[in-house]
């Protein structure tokens, strides 16, 4: 019984680890608590903005 409880606790912790990384769009087994530096966050945000702009332009011109 003790072994099963320990296994359940370990699996929950592993699931949380992987879930946090999935939510942050990072590799599954990387450190979820590592701070990303400002340059990485700025690059990520800028690439998301550029992609969103491209999609909006495509929708606008394909709609006409």
N, C-alpha and C. Protein backbone atom coordinates (compact mmCIF):
# COMPACT_ATOMS: atom_id res chain seq x y z
N UNK A 1 0.82 -1.19 0.00
CA UNK A 1 0.00 0.00 0.00
C UNK A 1 0.87 1.26 0.00
N UNK A 2 1.93 1.22 0.78
CA UNK A 2 2.83 2.37 0.85
C UNK A 2 3.51 2.60 -0.50
N UNK A 3 3.89 1.52 -1.18
CA UNK A 3 4.54 1.63 -2.48
C UNK A 3 3.60 2.22 -3.52
N UNK A 4 2.34 1.83 -3.47
CA UNK A 4 1.37 2.36 -4.43
C UNK A 4 1.14 3.85 -4.21
N UNK A 5 1.08 4.27 -2.96
CA UNK A 5 0.90 5.68 -2.64
C UNK A 5 2.11 6.48 -3.12
N UNK A 6 3.29 5.96 -2.91
CA UNK A 6 4.50 6.62 -3.37
C UNK A 6 4.51 6.72 -4.89
N UNK A 7 4.09 5.68 -5.57
CA UNK A 7 4.02 5.69 -7.03
C UNK A 7 3.03 6.74 -7.52
N UNK A 8 1.89 6.83 -6.87
CA UNK A 8 0.88 7.82 -7.26
C UNK A 8 1.42 9.23 -7.07
N UNK A 9 2.08 9.49 -5.96
CA UNK A 9 2.64 10.81 -5.70
C UNK A 9 3.69 11.16 -6.75
N UNK A 10 4.56 10.22 -7.06
CA UNK A 10 5.60 10.47 -8.07
C UNK A 10 5.00 10.73 -9.45
N UNK A 11 3.98 9.97 -9.81
CA UNK A 11 3.34 10.18 -11.11
C UNK A 11 2.62 11.52 -11.19
N UNK A 12 2.01 11.95 -10.09
CA UNK A 12 1.36 13.26 -10.07
C UNK A 12 2.40 14.36 -10.23
N UNK A 13 3.51 14.24 -9.53
CA UNK A 13 4.58 15.25 -9.66
C UNK A 13 5.15 15.28 -11.07
N UNK A 14 5.35 14.12 -11.67
CA UNK A 14 5.85 14.07 -13.05
C UNK A 14 4.83 14.67 -14.01
N UNK A 15 3.57 14.40 -13.79
CA UNK A 15 2.52 14.98 -14.63
C UNK A 15 2.46 16.48 -14.53
N UNK A 16 2.64 17.00 -13.31
CA UNK A 16 2.66 18.46 -13.14
C UNK A 16 3.86 19.07 -13.84
N UNK A 17 5.01 18.42 -13.74
CA UNK A 17 6.24 18.89 -14.38
C UNK A 17 6.02 19.01 -15.89
N UNK A 18 5.51 17.95 -16.48
CA UNK A 18 5.28 17.94 -17.93
C UNK A 18 4.17 18.92 -18.30
N UNK A 19 3.12 19.01 -17.49
CA UNK A 19 2.02 19.92 -17.78
C UNK A 19 2.44 21.37 -17.78
N UNK A 20 3.28 21.75 -16.84
CA UNK A 20 3.77 23.14 -16.80
C UNK A 20 4.57 23.43 -18.06
N UNK A 21 5.42 22.49 -18.48
CA UNK A 21 6.22 22.71 -19.68
C UNK A 21 5.35 22.76 -20.92
N UNK A 22 4.31 21.96 -20.99
CA UNK A 22 3.40 22.03 -22.12
C UNK A 22 2.71 23.39 -22.18
N UNK A 23 2.30 23.91 -21.04
CA UNK A 23 1.62 25.19 -20.99
C UNK A 23 2.54 26.33 -21.40
N UNK A 24 3.83 26.18 -21.15
CA UNK A 24 4.79 27.23 -21.49
C UNK A 24 5.44 27.02 -22.85
N UNK A 25 5.00 26.01 -23.60
CA UNK A 25 5.57 25.68 -24.91
C UNK A 25 7.08 25.46 -24.84
N UNK A 26 7.50 24.67 -23.87
CA UNK A 26 8.91 24.33 -23.70
C UNK A 26 9.08 22.83 -23.87
N UNK A 27 10.32 22.36 -24.04
CA UNK A 27 10.53 20.90 -24.10
C UNK A 27 9.99 20.24 -22.84
N UNK A 28 9.44 19.04 -22.99
CA UNK A 28 8.71 18.40 -21.90
C UNK A 28 9.52 18.21 -20.62
N UNK A 29 10.77 17.80 -20.73
CA UNK A 29 11.53 17.48 -19.54
C UNK A 29 12.53 18.57 -19.17
N UNK A 30 12.33 19.80 -19.64
CA UNK A 30 13.19 20.90 -19.22
C UNK A 30 12.73 21.40 -17.86
N UNK A 31 13.51 22.24 -17.25
CA UNK A 31 13.19 22.77 -15.92
C UNK A 31 12.04 23.77 -16.04
N UNK A 32 10.87 23.46 -15.47
CA UNK A 32 9.73 24.38 -15.60
C UNK A 32 9.88 25.64 -14.76
N UNK A 33 10.81 25.64 -13.83
CA UNK A 33 10.96 26.79 -12.94
C UNK A 33 12.12 27.69 -13.35
N UNK A 34 12.80 27.37 -14.43
CA UNK A 34 13.90 28.19 -14.90
C UNK A 34 13.35 29.50 -15.46
N UNK A 35 13.98 30.58 -15.09
CA UNK A 35 13.56 31.88 -15.60
C UNK A 35 14.09 32.08 -17.01
N UNK A 36 13.21 32.51 -17.89
CA UNK A 36 13.68 32.86 -19.23
C UNK A 36 14.13 34.31 -19.18
N UNK A 37 15.20 34.58 -19.88
CA UNK A 37 15.68 35.95 -19.85
C UNK A 37 14.82 36.85 -20.72
N UNK A 38 15.00 38.12 -20.59
CA UNK A 38 14.17 39.10 -21.27
C UNK A 38 14.29 38.97 -22.78
N UNK A 39 15.48 38.67 -23.27
CA UNK A 39 15.68 38.53 -24.72
C UNK A 39 14.86 37.39 -25.30
N UNK A 40 14.82 36.26 -24.61
CA UNK A 40 14.04 35.12 -25.10
C UNK A 40 12.55 35.44 -25.10
N UNK A 41 12.07 36.09 -24.05
CA UNK A 41 10.66 36.44 -23.98
C UNK A 41 10.29 37.45 -25.06
N UNK A 42 11.16 38.43 -25.30
CA UNK A 42 10.90 39.43 -26.32
C UNK A 42 10.88 38.79 -27.71
N UNK A 43 11.81 37.90 -27.98
CA UNK A 43 11.85 37.21 -29.26
C UNK A 43 10.61 36.37 -29.47
N UNK A 44 10.20 35.66 -28.44
CA UNK A 44 9.01 34.82 -28.53
C UNK A 44 7.76 35.67 -28.78
N UNK A 45 7.62 36.75 -28.05
CA UNK A 45 6.45 37.62 -28.22
C UNK A 45 6.45 38.26 -29.59
N UNK A 46 7.61 38.71 -30.05
CA UNK A 46 7.68 39.35 -31.36
C UNK A 46 7.33 38.36 -32.47
N UNK A 47 7.79 37.13 -32.36
CA UNK A 47 7.47 36.14 -33.39
C UNK A 47 5.98 35.82 -33.40
N UNK A 48 5.35 35.80 -32.23
CA UNK A 48 3.91 35.57 -32.16
C UNK A 48 3.14 36.74 -32.79
N UNK A 49 3.61 37.97 -32.56
CA UNK A 49 2.96 39.14 -33.15
C UNK A 49 3.10 39.13 -34.67
N UNK A 50 4.28 38.79 -35.16
CA UNK A 50 4.49 38.74 -36.61
C UNK A 50 3.60 37.68 -37.24
N UNK A 51 3.51 36.52 -36.62
CA UNK A 51 2.67 35.45 -37.16
C UNK A 51 1.20 35.87 -37.16
N UNK A 52 0.75 36.51 -36.11
CA UNK A 52 -0.63 36.99 -36.05
C UNK A 52 -0.91 38.04 -37.11
N UNK A 53 0.06 38.90 -37.35
CA UNK A 53 -0.10 39.93 -38.38
C UNK A 53 -0.19 39.31 -39.76
N UNK A 54 0.65 38.32 -40.02
CA UNK A 54 0.61 37.63 -41.31
C UNK A 54 -0.74 36.97 -41.54
N UNK A 55 -1.25 36.33 -40.51
CA UNK A 55 -2.55 35.67 -40.64
C UNK A 55 -3.65 36.69 -40.89
N UNK A 56 -3.61 37.83 -40.21
CA UNK A 56 -4.63 38.87 -40.40
C UNK A 56 -4.56 39.44 -41.81
N UNK A 57 -3.37 39.65 -42.33
CA UNK A 57 -3.21 40.18 -43.69
C UNK A 57 -3.70 39.15 -44.70
N UNK A 58 -3.36 37.89 -44.48
CA UNK A 58 -3.83 36.85 -45.40
C UNK A 58 -5.36 36.77 -45.42
N UNK A 59 -5.97 36.84 -44.24
CA UNK A 59 -7.43 36.80 -44.18
C UNK A 59 -8.05 38.00 -44.88
N UNK A 60 -7.44 39.17 -44.73
CA UNK A 60 -7.98 40.38 -45.34
C UNK A 60 -7.92 40.31 -46.86
N UNK A 61 -6.79 39.90 -47.40
CA UNK A 61 -6.64 39.91 -48.86
C UNK A 61 -7.26 38.69 -49.52
N UNK A 62 -7.39 37.60 -48.81
CA UNK A 62 -8.05 36.44 -49.40
C UNK A 62 -9.56 36.60 -49.35
N UNK A 63 -10.05 37.46 -48.48
CA UNK A 63 -11.48 37.71 -48.37
C UNK A 63 -12.02 38.54 -49.51
N UNK A 64 -11.16 39.32 -50.18
CA UNK A 64 -11.62 40.19 -51.28
C UNK A 64 -11.70 39.47 -52.58
